[in-house]
Amino acid sequence: MVDIKIPPITKDAAKDFHGKIVIIGAGVAGLFAANTLKYMGIDDYVVLEASDRYGGRLKSNDDLHTEVPLDVGAEWIHASDERMVKDMLVFPHDESKDLLPSDFIKYQPEWVLGVKNKKSKLLQKMYQETKFKRSTWWHWLDTHVYRHVQEKVKLNSPVKGIIYGAKTDEEGATGKVKIVCEDDTEYMADKVICTIPLAVLKKGDGMIKFDPPLPETKRKSIDAIDMPPGRRIL
């Protein structure tokens, strides 16, 4: 198992930036981008989410069991312990109350190689997984990420167009980016952070129109990556 160190974010990294930022998508990437902007002191930003919920591929079902919610989306923590879910956070949490070792459970399969009850130490070391014991990835995102930026998230705001070099009616200035939603609401931005799912980008202009179109190199890269739908049986 590779020991991954997540580099710290420098608080003054954006001290010279003055402008508006639009983040498209309120999945994990979009919400973490918003957390990072807030941490660096940037307040003029908005997160546009097409659906009626945030979290993207993280989703929880709280109805199948009265005490234990179930992950409907992402489930595993690909690490030997819970440290990763702490290191990922932009804002600190209360280590005396939350994300304690007792809140997690290790997944330790018994690998047997030909001989009864003889475990493979190599495979056990290579295959190390952890899971939330009575919580989910979605609850983690809701508690430790979304709450810091929830006032900036606009649900039910699908984007239909991204126009570069747009002119503003007031100033006639170029260099801005115009974001157009399905209901024709418009946002002018100096920067856009695009976290649109790959499956949506693969549909081309049928979902979101880029003006000018994305470069051919990016189109080929998008088309080359397969993104099949996921299914889960609970």
C-alpha atoms as a PDB file:
ATOM      1  CA  MET A   1       0.000   0.000   0.000  1.00  0.00           C
ATOM      2  CA  VAL A   2       1.466   3.331  -1.079  1.00  0.00           C
ATOM      3  CA  ASP A   3       1.689   5.928   1.676  1.00  0.00           C
ATOM      4  CA  ILE A   4       0.045   8.950   0.058  1.00  0.00           C
ATOM      5  CA  LYS A   5       0.720  12.396   1.486  1.00  0.00           C
ATOM      6  CA  ILE A   6      -1.775  15.082   0.479  1.00  0.00           C
ATOM      7  CA  PRO A   7       0.065  18.411   0.079  1.00  0.00           C
ATOM      8  CA  PRO A   8      -1.220  21.310   2.188  1.00  0.00           C
ATOM      9  CA  ILE A   9      -2.987  24.245   0.566  1.00  0.00           C
ATOM     10  CA  THR A  10      -1.217  27.581   0.893  1.00  0.00           C
ATOM     11  CA  LYS A  11      -3.691  30.088   2.311  1.00  0.00           C
ATOM     12  CA  ASP A  12      -2.223  33.053   0.442  1.00  0.00           C
ATOM     13  CA  ALA A  13      -1.997  31.260  -2.919  1.00  0.00           C
ATOM     14  CA  ALA A  14      -4.823  33.413  -4.331  1.00  0.00           C
ATOM     15  CA  LYS A  15      -3.959  36.697  -2.614  1.00  0.00           C
ATOM     16  CA  ASP A  16      -3.505  38.468  -5.952  1.00  0.00           C
ATOM     17  CA  PHE A  17      -6.703  37.173  -7.548  1.00  0.00           C
ATOM     18  CA  HIS A  18      -9.691  39.494  -7.732  1.00  0.00           C
ATOM     19  CA  GLY A  19     -12.622  38.229  -9.736  1.00  0.00           C
ATOM     20  CA  LYS A  20     -15.632  35.933  -9.874  1.00  0.00           C
ATOM     21  CA  ILE A  21     -15.422  32.155 -10.200  1.00  0.00           C
ATOM     22  CA  VAL A  22     -18.159  29.772 -11.335  1.00  0.00           C
ATOM     23  CA  ILE A  23     -17.854  26.107 -10.396  1.00  0.00           C
ATOM     24  CA  ILE A  24     -19.952  23.748 -12.522  1.00  0.00           C
ATOM     25  CA  GLY A  25     -21.000  20.658 -10.593  1.00  0.00           C
ATOM     26  CA  ALA A  26     -21.607  20.021  -6.886  1.00  0.00           C
ATOM     27  CA  GLY A  27     -20.112  16.579  -6.739  1.00  0.00           C
ATOM     28  CA  VAL A  28     -16.991  15.789  -4.722  1.00  0.00           C
ATOM     29  CA  ALA A  29     -14.652  17.722  -7.038  1.00  0.00           C
ATOM     30  CA  GLY A  30     -16.890  20.791  -7.190  1.00  0.00           C
ATOM     31  CA  LEU A  31     -17.473  20.962  -3.436  1.00  0.00           C
ATOM     32  CA  PHE A  32     -13.782  20.511  -2.673  1.00  0.00           C
ATOM     33  CA  ALA A  33     -12.958  23.259  -5.174  1.00  0.00           C
ATOM     34  CA  ALA A  34     -15.412  25.516  -3.322  1.00  0.00           C
ATOM     35  CA  ASN A  35     -13.855  24.576   0.029  1.00  0.00           C
ATOM     36  CA  THR A  36     -10.417  25.430  -1.326  1.00  0.00           C
ATOM     37  CA  LEU A  37     -11.548  28.832  -2.595  1.00  0.00           C
ATOM     38  CA  LYS A  38     -13.128  29.667   0.747  1.00  0.00           C
ATOM     39  CA  TYR A  39     -10.014  28.521   2.609  1.00  0.00           C
ATOM     40  CA  MET A  40      -7.890  30.850   0.457  1.00  0.00           C
ATOM     41  CA  GLY A  41     -10.174  33.784   1.215  1.00  0.00           C
ATOM     42  CA  ILE A  42     -12.054  33.937  -2.093  1.00  0.00           C
ATOM     43  CA  ASP A  43     -15.732  34.704  -1.514  1.00  0.00           C
ATOM     44  CA  ASP A  44     -17.006  35.710  -4.952  1.00  0.00           C
ATOM     45  CA  TYR A  45     -17.905  32.299  -6.364  1.00  0.00           C
ATOM     46  CA  VAL A  46     -20.958  30.138  -7.013  1.00  0.00           C
ATOM     47  CA  VAL A  47     -21.469  26.394  -7.495  1.00  0.00           C
ATOM     48  CA  LEU A  48     -24.032  25.379 -10.136  1.00  0.00           C
ATOM     49  CA  GLU A  49     -25.494  21.869  -9.816  1.00  0.00           C
ATOM     50  CA  ALA A  50     -27.782  20.442 -12.497  1.00  0.00           C
ATOM     51  CA  SER A  51     -29.675  18.005 -10.266  1.00  0.00           C
ATOM     52  CA  ASP A  52     -31.754  18.469  -7.121  1.00  0.00           C
ATOM     53  CA  ARG A  53     -29.039  17.056  -4.862  1.00  0.00           C
ATOM     54  CA  TYR A  54     -25.347  17.526  -4.159  1.00  0.00           C
ATOM     55  CA  GLY A  55     -22.729  14.819  -3.779  1.00  0.00           C
ATOM     56  CA  GLY A  56     -22.438  13.465  -7.310  1.00  0.00           C
ATOM     57  CA  ARG A  57     -21.460   9.790  -7.168  1.00  0.00           C
ATOM     58  CA  LEU A  58     -21.736   9.834  -3.386  1.00  0.00           C
ATOM     59  CA  LYS A  59     -25.220   8.900  -2.225  1.00  0.00           C
ATOM     60  CA  SER A  60     -26.663   7.335   0.907  1.00  0.00           C
ATOM     61  CA  ASN A  61     -29.790   5.305   1.626  1.00  0.00           C
ATOM     62  CA  ASP A  62     -31.041   5.785   5.184  1.00  0.00           C
ATOM     63  CA  ASP A  63     -34.271   3.796   4.791  1.00  0.00           C
ATOM     64  CA  LEU A  64     -33.115   0.187   4.510  1.00  0.00           C
ATOM     65  CA  HIS A  65     -31.760  -0.008   8.069  1.00  0.00           C
ATOM     66  CA  THR A  66     -32.844   2.012  11.097  1.00  0.00           C
ATOM     67  CA  GLU A  67     -29.334   2.402  12.534  1.00  0.00           C
ATOM     68  CA  VAL A  68     -26.869   1.948   9.691  1.00  0.00           C
ATOM     69  CA  PRO A  69     -27.100   4.007   6.462  1.00  0.00           C
ATOM     70  CA  LEU A  70     -25.888   2.319   3.291  1.00  0.00           C
ATOM     71  CA  ASP A  71     -23.634   3.742   0.609  1.00  0.00           C
ATOM     72  CA  VAL A  72     -25.425   3.703  -2.732  1.00  0.00           C
ATOM     73  CA  GLY A  73     -22.483   5.266  -4.529  1.00  0.00           C
ATOM     74  CA  ALA A  74     -18.801   5.127  -3.564  1.00  0.00           C
ATOM     75  CA  GLU A  75     -18.214   2.848  -0.579  1.00  0.00           C
ATOM     76  CA  TRP A  76     -14.610   1.830   0.043  1.00  0.00           C
ATOM     77  CA  ILE A  77     -11.765   3.768   1.644  1.00  0.00           C
ATOM     78  CA  HIS A  78      -8.702   2.545  -0.234  1.00  0.00           C
ATOM     79  CA  ALA A  79      -6.338   2.701   2.725  1.00  0.00           C
ATOM     80  CA  SER A  80      -5.398   0.616   5.744  1.00  0.00           C
ATOM     81  CA  ASP A  81      -6.970   3.048   8.213  1.00  0.00           C
ATOM     82  CA  GLU A  82      -9.085   6.198   8.486  1.00  0.00           C
ATOM     83  CA  ARG A  83      -6.247   8.710   8.151  1.00  0.00           C
ATOM     84  CA  MET A  84      -7.058   9.444   4.506  1.00  0.00           C
ATOM     85  CA  VAL A  85     -10.541  10.826   5.250  1.00  0.00           C
ATOM     86  CA  LYS A  86      -8.955  13.269   7.703  1.00  0.00           C
ATOM     87  CA  ASP A  87      -6.026  14.309   5.504  1.00  0.00           C
ATOM     88  CA  MET A  88      -8.372  15.151   2.622  1.00  0.00           C
ATOM     89  CA  LEU A  89     -10.260  17.797   4.592  1.00  0.00           C
ATOM     90  CA  VAL A  90      -9.531  21.458   3.890  1.00  0.00           C
ATOM     91  CA  PHE A  91     -10.995  22.695   7.170  1.00  0.00           C
ATOM     92  CA  PRO A  92     -10.064  20.951  10.461  1.00  0.00           C
ATOM     93  CA  HIS A  93     -12.578  18.818  12.344  1.00  0.00           C
ATOM     94  CA  ASP A  94     -12.972  18.095  16.058  1.00  0.00           C
ATOM     95  CA  GLU A  95     -10.639  15.130  16.488  1.00  0.00           C
ATOM     96  CA  SER A  96     -12.008  14.432  19.980  1.00  0.00           C
ATOM     97  CA  LYS A  97     -15.544  13.824  18.701  1.00  0.00           C
ATOM     98  CA  ASP A  98     -15.479  12.799  15.064  1.00  0.00           C
ATOM     99  CA  LEU A  99     -13.683  10.483  12.650  1.00  0.00           C
ATOM    100  CA  LEU A 100     -12.349   8.362  15.473  1.00  0.00           C
ATOM    101  CA  PRO A 101     -10.702   4.976  14.824  1.00  0.00           C
ATOM    102  CA  SER A 102     -13.775   3.319  16.335  1.00  0.00           C
ATOM    103  CA  ASP A 103     -15.917   4.866  13.572  1.00  0.00           C
ATOM    104  CA  PHE A 104     -14.262   2.650  10.964  1.00  0.00           C
ATOM    105  CA  ILE A 105     -13.824  -1.025  10.273  1.00  0.00           C
ATOM    106  CA  LYS A 106     -10.984  -2.725   8.421  1.00  0.00           C
ATOM    107  CA  TYR A 107     -11.754  -5.150   5.650  1.00  0.00           C
ATOM    108  CA  GLN A 108      -9.376  -8.059   6.071  1.00  0.00           C
ATOM    109  CA  PRO A 109     -10.131 -10.957   3.710  1.00  0.00           C
ATOM    110  CA  GLU A 110      -8.621 -14.328   4.506  1.00  0.00           C
ATOM    111  CA  TRP A 111      -6.590 -15.280   1.492  1.00  0.00           C
ATOM    112  CA  VAL A 112      -6.052 -19.055   1.373  1.00  0.00           C
ATOM    113  CA  LEU A 113      -3.518 -20.523  -1.032  1.00  0.00           C
ATOM    114  CA  GLY A 114      -3.990 -24.245  -1.433  1.00  0.00           C
ATOM    115  CA  VAL A 115      -3.480 -25.046   2.247  1.00  0.00           C
ATOM    116  CA  LYS A 116      -6.401 -24.865   4.636  1.00  0.00           C
ATOM    117  CA  ASN A 117      -6.389 -21.682   6.756  1.00  0.00           C
ATOM    118  CA  LYS A 118      -2.973 -20.615   5.460  1.00  0.00           C
ATOM    119  CA  LYS A 119      -3.153 -16.898   4.698  1.00  0.00           C
ATOM    120  CA  SER A 120      -1.037 -15.025   2.174  1.00  0.00           C
ATOM    121  CA  LYS A 121       0.748 -12.202   4.008  1.00  0.00           C
ATOM    122  CA  LEU A 122       1.729 -10.588   0.712  1.00  0.00           C
ATOM    123  CA  LEU A 123      -1.854 -10.359  -0.557  1.00  0.00           C
ATOM    124  CA  GLN A 124      -3.073  -9.153   2.834  1.00  0.00           C
ATOM    125  CA  LYS A 125      -0.526  -6.334   2.736  1.00  0.00           C
ATOM    126  CA  MET A 126      -1.365  -5.392  -0.850  1.00  0.00           C
ATOM    127  CA  TYR A 127      -5.132  -5.490  -0.387  1.00  0.00           C
ATOM    128  CA  GLN A 128      -5.976  -3.115   2.450  1.00  0.00           C
ATOM    129  CA  GLU A 129      -9.405  -1.540   2.624  1.00  0.00           C
ATOM    130  CA  THR A 130     -11.397   0.363   5.239  1.00  0.00           C
ATOM    131  CA  LYS A 131     -15.103   1.189   5.534  1.00  0.00           C
ATOM    132  CA  PHE A 132     -17.256   3.482   7.617  1.00  0.00           C
ATOM    133  CA  LYS A 133     -18.870   1.470  10.405  1.00  0.00           C
ATOM    134  CA  ARG A 134     -22.117   3.416  10.905  1.00  0.00           C
ATOM    135  CA  SER A 135     -21.804   6.175   8.365  1.00  0.00           C
ATOM    136  CA  THR A 136     -21.154   6.688   4.641  1.00  0.00           C
ATOM    137  CA  TRP A 137     -18.968   8.669   2.298  1.00  0.00           C
ATOM    138  CA  TRP A 138     -21.991  10.930   1.622  1.00  0.00           C
ATOM    139  CA  HIS A 139     -22.455  11.746   5.320  1.00  0.00           C
ATOM    140  CA  TRP A 140     -18.737  12.519   5.537  1.00  0.00           C
ATOM    141  CA  LEU A 141     -19.034  14.905   2.591  1.00  0.00           C
ATOM    142  CA  ASP A 142     -22.167  16.506   4.037  1.00  0.00           C
ATOM    143  CA  THR A 143     -20.671  17.009   7.500  1.00  0.00           C
ATOM    144  CA  HIS A 144     -17.117  18.034   6.688  1.00  0.00           C
ATOM    145  CA  VAL A 145     -17.238  19.577   3.201  1.00  0.00           C
ATOM    146  CA  TYR A 146     -20.687  20.738   2.089  1.00  0.00           C
ATOM    147  CA  ARG A 147     -21.568  22.632   5.261  1.00  0.00           C
ATOM    148  CA  HIS A 148     -18.696  25.076   4.738  1.00  0.00           C
ATOM    149  CA  VAL A 149     -19.990  26.220   1.329  1.00  0.00           C
ATOM    150  CA  GLN A 150     -23.689  25.324   1.261  1.00  0.00           C
ATOM    151  CA  GLU A 151     -24.785  28.946   0.903  1.00  0.00           C
ATOM    152  CA  LYS A 152     -22.894  29.102  -2.412  1.00  0.00           C
ATOM    153  CA  VAL A 153     -24.496  26.009  -3.979  1.00  0.00           C
ATOM    154  CA  LYS A 154     -27.404  26.434  -6.397  1.00  0.00           C
ATOM    155  CA  LEU A 155     -29.261  23.183  -7.103  1.00  0.00           C
ATOM    156  CA  ASN A 156     -31.498  22.583 -10.136  1.00  0.00           C
ATOM    157  CA  SER A 157     -29.228  24.822 -12.210  1.00  0.00           C
ATOM    158  CA  PRO A 158     -28.238  22.805 -15.293  1.00  0.00           C
ATOM    159  CA  VAL A 159     -25.765  24.565 -17.562  1.00  0.00           C
ATOM    160  CA  LYS A 160     -26.388  24.508 -21.308  1.00  0.00           C
ATOM    161  CA  GLY A 161     -23.650  26.801 -22.575  1.00  0.00           C
ATOM    162  CA  ILE A 162     -20.120  27.963 -21.756  1.00  0.00           C
ATOM    163  CA  ILE A 163     -19.050  30.950 -23.860  1.00  0.00           C
ATOM    164  CA  TYR A 164     -15.428  32.131 -23.726  1.00  0.00           C
ATOM    165  CA  GLY A 165     -14.393  35.689 -24.464  1.00  0.00           C
ATOM    166  CA  ALA A 166     -17.937  36.952 -23.918  1.00  0.00           C
ATOM    167  CA  LYS A 167     -18.713  40.651 -23.761  1.00  0.00           C
ATOM    168  CA  THR A 168     -20.534  42.210 -20.831  1.00  0.00           C
ATOM    169  CA  ASP A 169     -23.450  44.521 -21.555  1.00  0.00           C
ATOM    170  CA  GLU A 170     -22.162  47.117 -19.090  1.00  0.00           C
ATOM    171  CA  GLU A 171     -18.511  47.342 -20.052  1.00  0.00           C
ATOM    172  CA  GLY A 172     -18.195  45.569 -23.365  1.00  0.00           C
ATOM    173  CA  ALA A 173     -15.058  43.906 -21.994  1.00  0.00           C
ATOM    174  CA  THR A 174     -13.664  40.670 -23.377  1.00  0.00           C
ATOM    175  CA  GLY A 175     -11.873  37.933 -21.503  1.00  0.00           C
ATOM    176  CA  LYS A 176     -14.882  36.969 -19.424  1.00  0.00           C
ATOM    177  CA  VAL A 177     -16.682  33.623 -19.562  1.00  0.00           C
ATOM    178  CA  LYS A 178     -20.472  33.518 -19.823  1.00  0.00           C
ATOM    179  CA  ILE A 179     -22.281  30.568 -18.260  1.00  0.00           C
ATOM    180  CA  VAL A 180     -25.833  30.055 -19.520  1.00  0.00           C
ATOM    181  CA  CYS A 181     -28.268  27.813 -17.618  1.00  0.00           C
ATOM    182  CA  GLU A 182     -31.233  25.925 -19.018  1.00  0.00           C
ATOM    183  CA  ASP A 183     -33.614  28.596 -17.679  1.00  0.00           C
ATOM    184  CA  ASP A 184     -31.498  31.248 -19.483  1.00  0.00           C
ATOM    185  CA  THR A 185     -29.998  32.581 -16.252  1.00  0.00           C
ATOM    186  CA  GLU A 186     -26.537  33.934 -17.050  1.00  0.00           C
ATOM    187  CA  TYR A 187     -23.391  34.220 -14.951  1.00  0.00           C
ATOM    188  CA  MET A 188     -20.300  36.178 -15.955  1.00  0.00           C
ATOM    189  CA  ALA A 189     -17.042  34.809 -14.582  1.00  0.00           C
ATOM    190  CA  ASP A 190     -13.338  35.519 -14.698  1.00  0.00           C
ATOM    191  CA  LYS A 191     -12.574  31.843 -14.131  1.00  0.00           C
ATOM    192  CA  VAL A 192     -14.592  28.637 -14.517  1.00  0.00           C
ATOM    193  CA  ILE A 193     -13.879  25.380 -12.709  1.00  0.00           C
ATOM    194  CA  CYS A 194     -15.543  22.655 -14.745  1.00  0.00           C
ATOM    195  CA  THR A 195     -16.291  19.419 -12.863  1.00  0.00           C
ATOM    196  CA  ILE A 196     -18.873  18.180 -15.368  1.00  0.00           C
ATOM    197  CA  PRO A 197     -19.033  14.349 -15.287  1.00  0.00           C
ATOM    198  CA  LEU A 198     -17.183  12.583 -18.083  1.00  0.00           C
ATOM    199  CA  ALA A 199     -20.366  10.785 -19.118  1.00  0.00           C
ATOM    200  CA  VAL A 200     -21.969  14.185 -19.802  1.00  0.00           C
ATOM    201  CA  LEU A 201     -18.942  15.541 -21.665  1.00  0.00           C
ATOM    202  CA  LYS A 202     -18.952  12.450 -23.896  1.00  0.00           C
ATOM    203  CA  LYS A 203     -22.386  13.479 -25.201  1.00  0.00           C
ATOM    204  CA  GLY A 204     -20.842  16.573 -26.764  1.00  0.00           C
ATOM    205  CA  ASP A 205     -22.879  19.662 -27.588  1.00  0.00           C
ATOM    206  CA  GLY A 206     -26.076  17.701 -27.067  1.00  0.00           C
ATOM    207  CA  MET A 207     -25.785  18.409 -23.336  1.00  0.00           C
ATOM    208  CA  ILE A 208     -23.490  21.426 -22.909  1.00  0.00           C
ATOM    209  CA  LYS A 209     -22.272  23.625 -25.739  1.00  0.00           C
ATOM    210  CA  PHE A 210     -18.786  25.092 -25.548  1.00  0.00           C
ATOM    211  CA  ASP A 211     -18.227  28.251 -27.610  1.00  0.00           C
ATOM    212  CA  PRO A 212     -15.695  28.054 -29.114  1.00  0.00           C
ATOM    213  CA  PRO A 213     -15.747  24.221 -29.177  1.00  0.00           C
ATOM    214  CA  LEU A 214     -13.282  22.241 -27.091  1.00  0.00           C
ATOM    215  CA  PRO A 215      -9.967  21.593 -28.858  1.00  0.00           C
ATOM    216  CA  GLU A 216      -9.764  18.373 -30.842  1.00  0.00           C
ATOM    217  CA  THR A 217      -7.108  17.002 -28.490  1.00  0.00           C
ATOM    218  CA  LYS A 218      -9.482  17.305 -25.529  1.00  0.00           C
ATOM    219  CA  ARG A 219     -12.370  15.807 -27.514  1.00  0.00           C
ATOM    220  CA  LYS A 220     -10.262  12.794 -28.431  1.00  0.00           C
ATOM    221  CA  SER A 221      -9.153  12.341 -24.818  1.00  0.00           C
ATOM    222  CA  ILE A 222     -12.776  12.482 -23.622  1.00  0.00           C
ATOM    223  CA  ASP A 223     -13.913   9.985 -26.249  1.00  0.00           C
ATOM    224  CA  ALA A 224     -11.035   7.618 -25.487  1.00  0.00           C
ATOM    225  CA  ILE A 225     -12.022   7.044 -21.848  1.00  0.00           C
ATOM    226  CA  ASP A 226     -14.801   4.578 -21.191  1.00  0.00           C
ATOM    227  CA  MET A 227     -17.332   5.500 -18.491  1.00  0.00           C
ATOM    228  CA  PRO A 228     -19.954   2.728 -18.182  1.00  0.00           C
ATOM    229  CA  PRO A 229     -22.932   3.127 -15.823  1.00  0.00           C
ATOM    230  CA  GLY A 230     -22.621   1.685 -12.314  1.00  0.00           C
ATOM    231  CA  ARG A 231     -25.073  -0.696 -10.676  1.00  0.00           C
ATOM    232  CA  ARG A 232     -25.482  -1.801  -7.094  1.00  0.00           C
ATOM    233  CA  ILE A 233     -27.657  -4.454  -5.497  1.00  0.00           C
ATOM    234  CA  LEU A 234     -28.541  -3.731  -1.868  1.00  0.00           C
END
